Amino acid sequence: MVTPESIRLNIAQSMATEHLSVSGDDGIHFEAVVVSDAFAGKSRVQRHQLVYQTLGDRMRQDIHALSMKTYTPEEWQKLQCKN
């Protein structure tokens, strides 16, 4: 069974992140917030593709839906200051 922690570990093992959280309680639908320098200069689609690459075949076989919010550290800092 897919868990938020197993998804978080997959991402963390393949991508350097400053912040990473994954939630979801039905084993099918998940939400992730990923903050990484790797997103600098990339479009939203390119950022999501980078995260999908860390999950490999799990995106096609195990994970039904993964909603993502992706930020650079600078974007994340600005967002945190607003809240």
Protein backbone atom coordinates (compact mmCIF):
# COMPACT_ATOMS: atom_id res chain seq x y z
CA MET A 1 0.00 0.00 0.00
CA VAL A 2 1.21 3.48 -0.84
CA THR A 3 1.63 5.82 2.12
CA PRO A 4 2.50 9.51 2.31
CA GLU A 5 5.75 8.51 4.03
CA SER A 6 6.76 6.13 1.22
CA ILE A 7 6.19 8.89 -1.34
CA ARG A 8 8.12 11.37 0.80
CA LEU A 9 11.04 8.94 1.06
CA ASN A 10 11.10 8.38 -2.72
CA ILE A 11 11.28 12.10 -3.38
CA ALA A 12 13.82 12.76 -0.60
CA GLN A 13 16.14 10.00 -1.82
CA SER A 14 16.26 11.37 -5.36
CA MET A 15 16.05 15.13 -4.89
CA ALA A 16 17.63 17.62 -2.51
CA THR A 17 14.85 19.51 -0.75
CA GLU A 18 14.66 22.25 1.85
CA HIS A 19 11.10 21.35 2.76
CA LEU A 20 9.09 18.29 1.84
CA SER A 21 5.68 17.22 3.09
CA VAL A 22 3.27 14.65 1.73
CA SER A 23 -0.24 14.03 2.99
CA GLY A 24 -3.14 11.79 2.08
CA ASP A 25 -5.21 9.34 4.03
CA ASP A 26 -6.99 7.18 1.47
CA GLY A 27 -3.98 5.43 -0.10
CA ILE A 28 -4.86 6.78 -3.55
CA HIS A 29 -4.91 10.60 -3.50
CA PHE A 30 -1.92 12.53 -2.16
CA GLU A 31 -0.77 16.12 -1.83
CA ALA A 32 2.86 17.20 -1.73
CA VAL A 33 4.68 20.44 -1.01
CA VAL A 34 8.23 20.36 -2.34
CA VAL A 35 10.80 23.12 -1.92
CA SER A 36 14.03 22.68 -3.88
CA ASP A 37 16.79 24.67 -5.57
CA ALA A 38 16.31 22.28 -8.51
CA PHE A 39 13.16 24.24 -9.44
CA ALA A 40 15.01 27.50 -10.14
CA GLY A 41 14.29 28.72 -13.66
CA LYS A 42 11.82 25.91 -14.35
CA SER A 43 8.15 26.17 -15.31
CA ARG A 44 5.47 24.54 -13.16
CA VAL A 45 5.23 21.65 -15.64
CA GLN A 46 9.01 21.11 -15.57
CA ARG A 47 8.98 21.17 -11.76
CA HIS A 48 6.26 18.55 -11.63
CA GLN A 49 8.14 16.42 -14.14
CA LEU A 50 11.20 16.48 -11.87
CA VAL A 51 9.11 15.20 -8.96
CA TYR A 52 7.43 12.55 -11.14
CA GLN A 53 10.90 11.31 -12.15
CA THR A 54 11.72 10.66 -8.50
CA LEU A 55 8.67 8.40 -8.25
CA GLY A 56 9.33 6.50 -11.48
CA ASP A 57 6.88 3.70 -12.25
CA ARG A 58 4.99 4.30 -9.00
CA MET A 59 3.19 7.19 -10.74
CA ARG A 60 1.85 4.81 -13.38
CA GLN A 61 1.21 1.81 -11.16
CA ASP A 62 0.67 2.72 -7.50
CA ILE A 63 -0.25 6.38 -7.15
CA HIS A 64 -3.62 7.37 -8.55
CA ALA A 65 -3.31 11.13 -7.97
CA LEU A 66 -0.58 13.41 -6.67
CA SER A 67 -1.35 17.10 -6.31
CA MET A 68 1.81 19.19 -5.96
CA LYS A 69 2.90 22.62 -4.93
CA THR A 70 6.51 23.25 -5.92
CA TYR A 71 8.62 26.19 -4.83
CA THR A 72 12.18 27.41 -4.91
CA PRO A 73 13.56 28.27 -1.46
CA GLU A 74 13.14 31.98 -2.25
CA GLU A 75 9.49 31.52 -3.26
CA TRP A 76 8.87 29.44 -0.13
CA GLN A 77 10.45 32.10 2.09
CA LYS A 78 8.23 34.82 0.59
CA LEU A 79 5.16 32.63 1.04
CA GLN A 80 6.03 31.96 4.68
CA CYS A 81 6.51 35.67 5.36
CA LYS A 82 3.01 36.39 4.01
CA ASN A 83 1.42 33.86 6.36
